[in-house]
Protein backbone atom coordinates (compact mmCIF):
# COMPACT_ATOMS: atom_id res chain seq x y z
CA UNK A 1 -10.01 -21.79 47.50
CA UNK A 2 -6.55 -22.24 48.45
CA UNK A 3 -3.03 -20.38 48.13
CA UNK A 4 -2.09 -23.02 44.76
CA UNK A 5 -5.47 -21.83 42.90
CA UNK A 6 -5.87 -18.31 43.31
CA UNK A 7 -1.71 -18.21 42.44
CA UNK A 8 -2.49 -20.08 39.35
CA UNK A 9 -5.26 -17.92 38.38
CA UNK A 10 -3.30 -14.73 38.92
CA UNK A 11 -0.20 -16.36 36.63
CA UNK A 12 -2.65 -17.12 34.06
CA UNK A 13 -4.07 -13.23 34.36
CA UNK A 14 -0.97 -11.89 34.19
CA UNK A 15 0.62 -13.51 31.29
CA UNK A 16 -2.69 -12.58 29.06
CA UNK A 17 -2.72 -9.34 29.79
CA UNK A 18 1.53 -9.48 29.11
CA UNK A 19 0.77 -10.75 25.57
CA UNK A 20 -2.14 -8.86 24.60
CA UNK A 21 -0.14 -5.74 26.26
CA UNK A 22 2.96 -6.16 24.15
CA UNK A 23 0.89 -6.52 21.15
CA UNK A 24 -1.36 -3.38 21.49
CA UNK A 25 2.07 -1.10 22.62
CA UNK A 26 4.21 -2.91 20.20
CA UNK A 27 2.22 -2.78 17.12
CA UNK A 28 -0.23 0.45 15.70
CA UNK A 29 -3.89 0.06 16.48
CA UNK A 30 -6.31 0.67 13.27
CA UNK A 31 -9.54 1.40 14.73
CA UNK A 32 -10.75 3.83 17.23
CA UNK A 33 -9.83 3.96 20.60
CA UNK A 34 -13.05 2.47 22.11
CA UNK A 35 -13.17 -0.02 19.56
CA UNK A 36 -9.14 -0.84 20.34
CA UNK A 37 -10.04 -1.06 24.00
CA UNK A 38 -12.70 -3.61 23.43
CA UNK A 39 -11.02 -5.88 21.16
CA UNK A 40 -7.89 -5.71 23.72
CA UNK A 41 -9.76 -7.00 26.76
CA UNK A 42 -11.64 -9.73 24.71
CA UNK A 43 -7.79 -10.91 23.70
CA UNK A 44 -6.96 -10.60 27.26
CA UNK A 45 -10.28 -12.65 28.18
CA UNK A 46 -9.91 -15.40 25.78
CA UNK A 47 -5.91 -15.37 26.73
CA UNK A 48 -6.61 -15.67 30.08
CA UNK A 49 -9.39 -18.18 29.90
CA UNK A 50 -7.33 -20.77 27.09
CA UNK A 51 -4.03 -20.61 29.83
CA UNK A 52 -6.31 -21.90 32.61
CA UNK A 53 -8.43 -24.19 30.76
CA UNK A 54 -5.50 -25.71 29.27
CA UNK A 55 -3.80 -25.75 32.91
CA UNK A 56 -6.71 -27.26 34.50
CA UNK A 57 -7.52 -29.75 31.73
CA UNK A 58 -3.53 -30.76 32.27
CA UNK A 59 -3.01 -30.54 28.67
CA UNK A 60 0.11 -30.92 26.33
CA UNK A 61 2.04 -27.61 27.25
CA UNK A 62 4.43 -28.01 24.17
CA UNK A 63 1.46 -27.61 21.64
CA UNK A 64 -1.77 -27.09 22.54
CA UNK A 65 -1.29 -23.91 24.49
CA UNK A 66 1.00 -22.65 21.90
CA UNK A 67 -2.05 -23.61 19.09
CA UNK A 68 -4.54 -21.80 21.20
CA UNK A 69 -2.29 -18.80 22.30
CA UNK A 70 -1.69 -18.20 18.05
CA UNK A 71 -5.30 -19.36 17.46
CA UNK A 72 -6.46 -16.46 19.44
CA UNK A 73 -3.79 -13.18 18.81
CA UNK A 74 -3.05 -13.83 14.89
CA UNK A 75 -6.31 -13.21 14.47
CA UNK A 76 -6.18 -10.03 17.33
CA UNK A 77 -3.37 -8.69 15.11
CA UNK A 78 -4.59 -8.89 12.01
CA UNK A 79 -8.10 -7.77 12.78
CA UNK A 80 -7.31 -4.92 14.92
CA UNK A 81 -3.49 -3.30 13.82
CA UNK A 82 -2.83 -1.56 10.68
CA UNK A 83 1.32 -2.79 10.30
CA UNK A 84 2.38 -4.57 7.41
CA UNK A 85 1.02 -8.34 7.38
CA UNK A 86 4.39 -10.28 7.71
CA UNK A 87 4.63 -8.12 11.29
CA UNK A 88 1.26 -8.68 12.43
CA UNK A 89 2.53 -12.56 11.98
CA UNK A 90 5.79 -12.20 13.43
CA UNK A 91 4.61 -11.07 16.90
CA UNK A 92 2.66 -13.26 18.22
CA UNK A 93 4.76 -16.25 16.91
CA UNK A 94 8.15 -14.54 18.36
CA UNK A 95 6.27 -13.98 21.75
CA UNK A 96 5.08 -18.29 22.50
CA UNK A 97 8.32 -19.30 20.89
CA UNK A 98 10.30 -16.61 23.04
CA UNK A 99 8.48 -17.27 26.76
CA UNK A 100 8.48 -20.78 25.40
CA UNK A 101 12.24 -21.36 25.69
CA UNK A 102 12.66 -19.02 28.33
CA UNK A 103 10.50 -21.20 30.79
CA UNK A 104 12.48 -24.23 29.18
CA UNK A 105 16.04 -23.07 29.82
CA UNK A 106 14.62 -21.90 33.84
CA UNK A 107 13.63 -25.04 34.25
CA UNK A 108 16.31 -27.02 32.83
CA UNK A 109 18.99 -25.18 35.35
CA UNK A 110 16.28 -25.28 38.77
CA UNK A 111 15.25 -28.60 38.65
CA UNK A 112 18.60 -29.67 38.37
CA UNK A 113 19.41 -27.02 40.48
CA UNK A 114 16.81 -28.75 43.22
CA UNK A 115 17.65 -32.17 41.58
CA UNK A 116 14.03 -32.83 40.82
CA UNK A 117 12.28 -33.54 37.05
CA UNK A 118 11.37 -30.68 35.19
CA UNK A 119 7.44 -32.19 35.04
CA UNK A 120 7.45 -31.32 39.31
CA UNK A 121 7.67 -27.84 38.36
CA UNK A 122 5.73 -27.67 35.88
CA UNK A 123 2.97 -29.63 37.23
CA UNK A 124 3.50 -29.70 41.10
CA UNK A 125 2.34 -27.11 43.82
CA UNK A 126 5.24 -26.53 46.13
CA UNK A 127 7.81 -23.90 46.75
CA UNK A 128 9.73 -24.38 44.25
CA UNK A 129 7.35 -23.86 41.54
CA UNK A 130 6.21 -20.95 42.80
CA UNK A 131 9.85 -19.63 42.44
CA UNK A 132 10.49 -21.06 39.11
CA UNK A 133 7.08 -19.42 37.44
CA UNK A 134 7.84 -15.81 39.06
CA UNK A 135 11.68 -16.14 37.96
CA UNK A 136 10.35 -17.13 34.45
CA UNK A 137 7.61 -14.47 34.36
CA UNK A 138 9.94 -11.46 35.76
CA UNK A 139 12.49 -12.39 33.11
CA UNK A 140 10.43 -12.77 30.36
CA UNK A 141 8.61 -8.79 30.50
CA UNK A 142 12.58 -7.57 31.01
CA UNK A 143 13.17 -8.70 27.34
CA UNK A 144 9.92 -7.90 26.36
CA UNK A 145 10.72 -4.31 27.83
CA UNK A 146 14.37 -4.22 25.87
CA UNK A 147 12.87 -5.44 22.54
CA UNK A 148 10.10 -3.07 22.82
CA UNK A 149 12.54 -0.68 23.48
CA UNK A 150 15.18 -1.76 20.34
CA UNK A 151 12.19 -2.10 18.27
CA UNK A 152 9.36 -0.17 18.90
CA UNK A 153 10.42 3.29 16.24
CA UNK A 154 12.41 1.04 13.88
CA UNK A 155 10.25 -2.33 12.94
CA UNK A 156 8.80 -0.78 9.98
CA UNK A 157 11.69 0.00 7.95
CA UNK A 158 12.11 -3.76 6.77
CA UNK A 159 10.85 -5.43 3.90
CA UNK A 160 9.62 -8.32 4.46
CA UNK A 161 12.28 -9.97 2.65
CA UNK A 162 15.08 -8.89 5.61
CA UNK A 163 12.70 -9.67 8.54
CA UNK A 164 13.08 -12.63 7.07
CA UNK A 165 16.86 -13.31 6.36
CA UNK A 166 16.99 -11.46 9.77
CA UNK A 167 15.24 -14.29 11.71
CA UNK A 168 16.73 -17.17 10.51
CA UNK A 169 19.07 -17.44 13.59
CA UNK A 170 16.12 -17.05 16.07
CA UNK A 171 14.10 -19.67 13.83
CA UNK A 172 16.87 -21.88 14.47
CA UNK A 173 17.18 -21.13 17.87
CA UNK A 174 13.02 -22.40 18.29
CA UNK A 175 14.74 -25.69 16.63
CA UNK A 176 17.37 -26.26 18.79
CA UNK A 177 15.08 -25.84 22.14
CA UNK A 178 12.38 -27.90 20.89
CA UNK A 179 14.71 -30.65 20.43
CA UNK A 180 16.28 -29.75 23.44
CA UNK A 181 13.29 -29.78 25.40
CA UNK A 182 12.18 -33.89 23.62
CA UNK A 183 16.31 -34.64 25.11
CA UNK A 184 14.90 -33.31 28.44
CA UNK A 185 11.64 -35.58 28.54
CA UNK A 186 14.15 -38.42 29.10
CA UNK A 187 13.42 -39.39 32.88
CA UNK A 188 17.15 -41.05 33.06
CA UNK A 189 18.85 -37.57 32.36
CA UNK A 190 21.05 -36.38 34.72
CA UNK A 191 21.24 -32.96 36.64
CA UNK A 192 24.12 -32.40 34.92
CA UNK A 193 22.62 -33.30 31.81
CA UNK A 194 19.69 -30.65 32.68
CA UNK A 195 22.61 -28.37 33.47
CA UNK A 196 23.85 -28.53 30.78
CA UNK A 197 20.11 -28.13 28.10
CA UNK A 198 20.00 -24.88 30.42
CA UNK A 199 22.79 -23.34 28.89
CA UNK A 200 22.30 -24.76 25.52
CA UNK A 201 19.02 -22.62 25.85
CA UNK A 202 20.40 -19.50 27.26
CA UNK A 203 22.61 -19.45 24.83
CA UNK A 204 19.89 -20.12 22.32
CA UNK A 205 18.23 -16.87 23.50
CA UNK A 206 21.76 -15.02 23.84
CA UNK A 207 22.53 -15.45 20.40
CA UNK A 208 18.92 -14.50 19.36
CA UNK A 209 19.63 -11.38 21.30
CA UNK A 210 22.85 -10.84 19.63
CA UNK A 211 20.69 -10.76 16.24
CA UNK A 212 18.45 -8.56 17.76
CA UNK A 213 21.26 -5.89 18.56
CA UNK A 214 22.47 -6.70 14.44
CA UNK A 215 18.89 -5.80 13.31
CA UNK A 216 18.62 -2.77 15.48
CA UNK A 217 22.00 -1.93 13.58
CA UNK A 218 21.03 -2.22 10.95
CA UNK A 219 17.77 -0.10 11.21
CA UNK A 220 20.55 2.52 12.56
CA UNK A 221 22.17 2.99 9.34
CA UNK A 222 18.46 2.99 7.39
CA UNK A 223 17.32 5.48 9.47
CA UNK A 224 20.34 7.24 9.05
CA UNK A 225 19.88 6.76 5.27
CA UNK A 226 16.63 8.12 5.39
CA UNK A 227 17.23 10.91 7.81
CA UNK A 228 19.76 11.59 4.97
CA UNK A 229 17.36 11.98 2.17
CA UNK A 230 15.01 13.53 4.72
CA UNK A 231 17.82 16.53 4.81
CA UNK A 232 18.57 16.86 1.37
CA UNK A 233 15.05 16.61 0.49
CA UNK A 234 14.78 19.75 3.39
CA UNK A 235 17.82 21.51 2.18
CA UNK A 236 16.41 21.38 -1.63
CA UNK A 237 12.54 23.08 -0.52
CA UNK A 238 14.98 25.72 1.30
CA UNK A 239 16.79 26.32 -1.92
CA UNK A 240 13.80 26.34 -3.67
CA UNK A 241 12.09 28.99 -1.25
CA UNK A 242 14.97 31.27 -1.63
CA UNK A 243 14.29 31.00 -5.20
CA UNK A 244 11.19 31.85 -4.58
CA UNK A 245 11.60 34.45 -2.88
CA UNK A 246 13.75 36.40 -4.74
CA UNK A 247 11.39 36.22 -7.81
CA UNK A 248 8.59 37.32 -6.01
CA UNK A 249 10.95 39.92 -4.80
CA UNK A 250 11.56 40.89 -8.52
CA UNK A 251 7.79 40.34 -9.41
CA UNK A 252 6.88 42.69 -6.64
CA UNK A 253 9.76 45.62 -7.76
CA UNK A 254 7.84 45.31 -11.56
CA UNK A 255 4.33 45.39 -10.45
CA UNK A 256 5.10 47.83 -8.11
CA UNK A 257 6.80 50.21 -10.74
CA UNK A 258 4.11 49.20 -13.31
CA UNK A 259 1.45 50.02 -10.75
CA UNK A 260 3.27 54.07 -10.33
CA UNK A 261 2.54 54.36 -14.05
CA UNK A 262 -0.99 52.84 -14.49
CA UNK A 263 -2.08 54.63 -11.17
CA UNK A 264 -1.13 57.88 -13.05
CA UNK A 265 -2.85 56.88 -16.29
CA UNK A 266 -5.82 56.13 -13.88
CA UNK A 267 -5.94 59.32 -12.40
CA UNK A 268 -5.40 60.93 -15.55
CA UNK A 269 -8.57 59.06 -17.19
CA UNK A 270 -10.67 59.88 -14.35
CA UNK A 271 -10.30 63.72 -13.99
CA UNK A 272 -11.31 63.52 -17.73
CA UNK A 273 -13.98 61.21 -16.92
CA UNK A 274 -13.18 58.40 -18.80
CA UNK A 275 -14.22 55.98 -16.62
CA UNK A 276 -14.24 53.01 -18.85
CA UNK A 277 -10.85 53.28 -19.93
CA UNK A 278 -9.54 53.85 -16.58
CA UNK A 279 -11.35 50.59 -14.92
CA UNK A 280 -9.73 48.72 -18.53
CA UNK A 281 -6.39 49.78 -16.44
CA UNK A 282 -7.79 48.50 -13.12
CA UNK A 283 -8.34 45.10 -14.49
CA UNK A 284 -5.00 45.02 -16.34
CA UNK A 285 -3.44 45.36 -12.78
CA UNK A 286 -4.79 43.17 -11.56
CA UNK A 287 -4.85 40.50 -13.63
CA UNK A 288 -0.97 40.97 -13.90
CA UNK A 289 -0.35 40.70 -10.23
CA UNK A 290 -2.44 37.50 -10.54
CA UNK A 291 -0.43 36.21 -13.37
CA UNK A 292 3.21 37.40 -11.86
CA UNK A 293 2.16 36.72 -7.97
CA UNK A 294 0.80 33.59 -6.25
CA UNK A 295 0.39 33.45 -2.79
CA UNK A 296 -1.31 30.84 -0.30
CA UNK A 297 -2.59 31.72 2.79
CA UNK A 298 -3.80 28.13 4.63
CA UNK A 299 -2.87 29.43 8.65
CA UNK A 300 -0.06 27.42 8.65
CA UNK A 301 3.33 29.60 7.42
CA UNK A 302 5.24 26.14 6.46
CA UNK A 303 2.08 24.84 4.25
CA UNK A 304 2.15 28.11 2.94
CA UNK A 305 6.33 27.87 1.89
CA UNK A 306 5.63 24.64 0.75
CA UNK A 307 3.17 25.22 -1.86
CA UNK A 308 4.39 28.16 -3.20
CA UNK A 309 7.89 26.12 -4.26
CA UNK A 310 5.36 23.09 -5.56
CA UNK A 311 3.36 26.00 -8.21
CA UNK A 312 7.10 27.12 -9.06
CA UNK A 313 7.89 23.63 -10.22
CA UNK A 314 4.46 23.29 -11.75
CA UNK A 315 4.82 26.40 -13.55
CA UNK A 316 8.59 25.12 -14.82
CA UNK A 317 7.06 21.89 -15.92
CA UNK A 318 3.89 23.57 -18.04
CA UNK A 319 2.14 21.54 -15.64
CA UNK A 320 -1.69 23.16 -13.95
CA UNK A 321 -1.83 22.90 -10.51
CA UNK A 322 -4.85 23.26 -8.28
CA UNK A 323 -4.93 23.59 -4.70
CA UNK A 324 -8.06 23.25 -2.23
CA UNK A 325 -6.94 23.77 1.58
CA UNK A 326 -10.10 23.16 3.74
CA UNK A 327 -7.42 22.05 6.40
CA UNK A 328 -3.85 23.23 7.71
CA UNK A 329 -2.56 20.29 9.16
CA UNK A 330 -0.54 22.33 11.48
CA UNK A 331 -0.24 19.49 13.87
CA UNK A 332 2.85 18.15 11.79
CA UNK A 333 5.70 20.29 11.62
CA UNK A 334 7.25 21.94 9.01
CA UNK A 335 10.07 20.01 8.18
CA UNK A 336 7.80 17.03 8.43
CA UNK A 337 5.75 17.94 6.39
CA UNK A 338 8.12 19.75 3.71
CA UNK A 339 8.81 16.10 3.56
CA UNK A 340 5.53 14.70 2.87
CA UNK A 341 4.07 17.22 0.33
CA UNK A 342 7.65 17.56 -0.94
CA UNK A 343 8.13 14.10 -2.17
CA UNK A 344 4.49 13.33 -2.90
CA UNK A 345 4.48 16.37 -5.06
CA UNK A 346 7.95 15.31 -6.97
CA UNK A 347 6.44 12.22 -7.50
CA UNK A 348 3.73 13.15 -8.97
CA UNK A 349 5.41 15.95 -11.75
CA UNK A 350 7.77 13.24 -12.37
CA UNK A 351 4.91 10.97 -13.45
CA UNK A 352 3.08 13.95 -15.24
CA UNK A 353 6.54 14.70 -16.93
CA UNK A 354 5.51 11.71 -19.81
CA UNK A 355 1.73 12.60 -19.82
CA UNK A 356 0.29 15.24 -22.14
CA UNK A 357 -2.75 16.14 -19.85
CA UNK A 358 -0.48 17.76 -17.33
CA UNK A 359 -3.07 18.40 -14.04
CA UNK A 360 -2.38 18.46 -10.81
CA UNK A 361 -4.17 18.59 -7.27
CA UNK A 362 -3.57 19.11 -3.89
CA UNK A 363 -6.43 18.97 -1.55
CA UNK A 364 -6.64 19.62 2.47
CA UNK A 365 -9.99 18.90 4.17
CA UNK A 366 -10.84 17.65 7.57
CA UNK A 367 -13.61 15.77 8.46
CA UNK A 368 -14.49 15.02 11.86
CA UNK A 369 -11.45 14.27 14.20
CA UNK A 370 -9.47 13.49 10.72
CA UNK A 371 -7.29 15.79 8.62
CA UNK A 372 -7.15 14.48 5.01
CA UNK A 373 -4.26 14.91 2.67
CA UNK A 374 -5.00 14.04 -1.37
CA UNK A 375 -3.00 14.13 -4.07
CA UNK A 376 -3.43 13.65 -7.52
CA UNK A 377 -1.92 13.31 -10.61
CA UNK A 378 -3.50 12.35 -14.30
CA UNK A 379 -2.18 9.69 -15.52
CA UNK A 380 -3.30 8.17 -18.40
CA UNK A 381 -2.63 4.60 -17.70
CA UNK A 382 -2.71 2.23 -14.68
CA UNK A 383 0.18 2.96 -12.08
CA UNK A 384 -1.28 0.05 -9.63
CA UNK A 385 -1.75 -2.52 -12.56
CA UNK A 386 1.87 -2.19 -13.82
CA UNK A 387 4.04 -0.79 -10.61
CA UNK A 388 1.27 -2.14 -7.67
CA UNK A 389 4.27 -1.79 -5.14
CA UNK A 390 5.49 1.27 -6.30
CA UNK A 391 8.93 0.82 -6.49
CA UNK A 392 10.97 3.42 -8.21
CA UNK A 393 11.96 2.74 -12.12
CA UNK A 394 15.37 5.22 -11.60
CA UNK A 395 18.53 3.08 -12.05
CA UNK A 396 20.57 3.41 -9.32
CA UNK A 397 17.32 2.35 -6.73
CA UNK A 398 19.99 2.14 -4.01
CA UNK A 399 20.07 5.80 -3.65
CA UNK A 400 16.21 6.07 -4.96
CA UNK A 401 12.83 4.60 -4.22
CA UNK A 402 12.96 6.14 -0.26
CA UNK A 403 10.56 8.84 -0.86
CA UNK A 404 7.20 7.05 0.02
CA UNK A 405 8.83 5.33 2.55
CA UNK A 406 10.40 8.52 4.20
CA UNK A 407 6.62 9.41 3.49
CA UNK A 408 5.01 6.38 5.58
CA UNK A 409 7.54 6.87 8.53
CA UNK A 410 6.51 9.95 8.71
CA UNK A 411 2.76 9.61 8.68
CA UNK A 412 3.35 6.20 10.97
CA UNK A 413 4.85 8.44 13.12
CA UNK A 414 2.12 10.82 13.94
CA UNK A 415 -0.25 7.41 13.59
CA UNK A 416 -2.25 8.25 10.29
CA UNK A 417 -2.57 6.21 7.74
CA UNK A 418 -1.69 5.81 3.63
CA UNK A 419 -3.94 4.48 0.51
CA UNK A 420 -3.33 4.38 -2.85
CA UNK A 421 -5.98 4.43 -5.25
CA UNK A 422 -7.21 5.46 -8.86
CA UNK A 423 -10.45 6.74 -9.89
CA UNK A 424 -11.19 8.49 -13.70
CA UNK A 425 -7.35 8.69 -15.14
CA UNK A 426 -6.07 9.88 -12.09
CA UNK A 427 -3.83 8.26 -9.32
CA UNK A 428 -4.73 9.39 -5.37
CA UNK A 429 -2.46 9.11 -2.15
CA UNK A 430 -4.28 9.88 0.37
CA UNK A 431 -3.20 10.27 4.06
CA UNK A 432 -5.50 10.52 6.61
CA UNK A 433 -4.34 11.92 10.64
CA UNK A 434 -6.58 12.05 13.79
CA UNK A 435 -6.18 15.58 14.66
CA UNK A 436 -4.49 15.68 18.29
CA UNK A 437 -6.60 16.73 21.57
CA UNK A 438 -9.70 16.88 19.37
CA UNK A 439 -12.72 15.85 20.94
CA UNK A 440 -14.96 13.12 19.45
């Protein structure tokens, strides 16, 4: 096996790893670690063999390789990641198009500098070809690192319409890139012409990165807006907590005062051996404490405070609240837990304001390595049928409707999963988190 063959196989292996790794790192895996690793290996092996076969058979780079690439990467992204469907479609298309335009642009420049046909760099084994391939892949990897750092934690904020609008410039760039490729197929092109085509291709990439920067700026505005909503939610929850604490102190003081008198009565009744009457007063004391003081003890002080606030809101709105905690979500920070439960509970309480049967359930349970939070409210009609996308019905949608988005973003941060369903006239929002550092 000569050097050129080893070099080509190494480059094919490298490209397969880069393409699959970017998808794996950028998107959010939906399966177990073992399944994700197996899918990763299969995808990159398929990429390696397909690239090698295409190069060996000397098939058309511009069309066949693109089709094969998308035939492998799109199913991989759709089946093994849980991001929005348009994100899972855009990423493999972006990778293929970006690499193609970049390699064309470098090819135009390099072939003009060494004064050779562009096909020479793509097909003939030479030192120039090796330099061209190394340079193309190096710049491609650097560009992917930049894109990853720009968008890894912000791409999920955008809606489909906003993604499509922001992709107009890259799409136009691709069209222009393909046109320059068709023009470059003319064997009579001079070195100057190829340099001009190279400038066009690099300019296209520059516009694309400028567009990415604009998307990032928009993303920051969204993030700031969400952070502002989160801070307002936290402020409301803290205000409610202070109010709740004041009510508790008042209740405890009143109960303490009453208990002193009741204890004296119980003592006198016991002295007079009137035990039945003393027992009745004891039951009254217990009922009074249960009715006026409610306190959840889950092992997570943040969760206890949040549940007490939800209890206060439920009492104010004549809602029957049922809480069952067999786990405590202690691995989630207190402020983010407040955002999750606060938003879900507020949505449920708002929905129950229109219902006769005012029942709200909050369950936190553990199943294996997962902890599940389920918020359920009675609903006499189908929420998902009437509003499948759960869009806010408030008039000022610009300043509302971020509640579920904030919840979803926080869930994604912890690698969790959010689902909504309906059963037996109850609307469920279920959040599932894998506990960190838990052996499987």
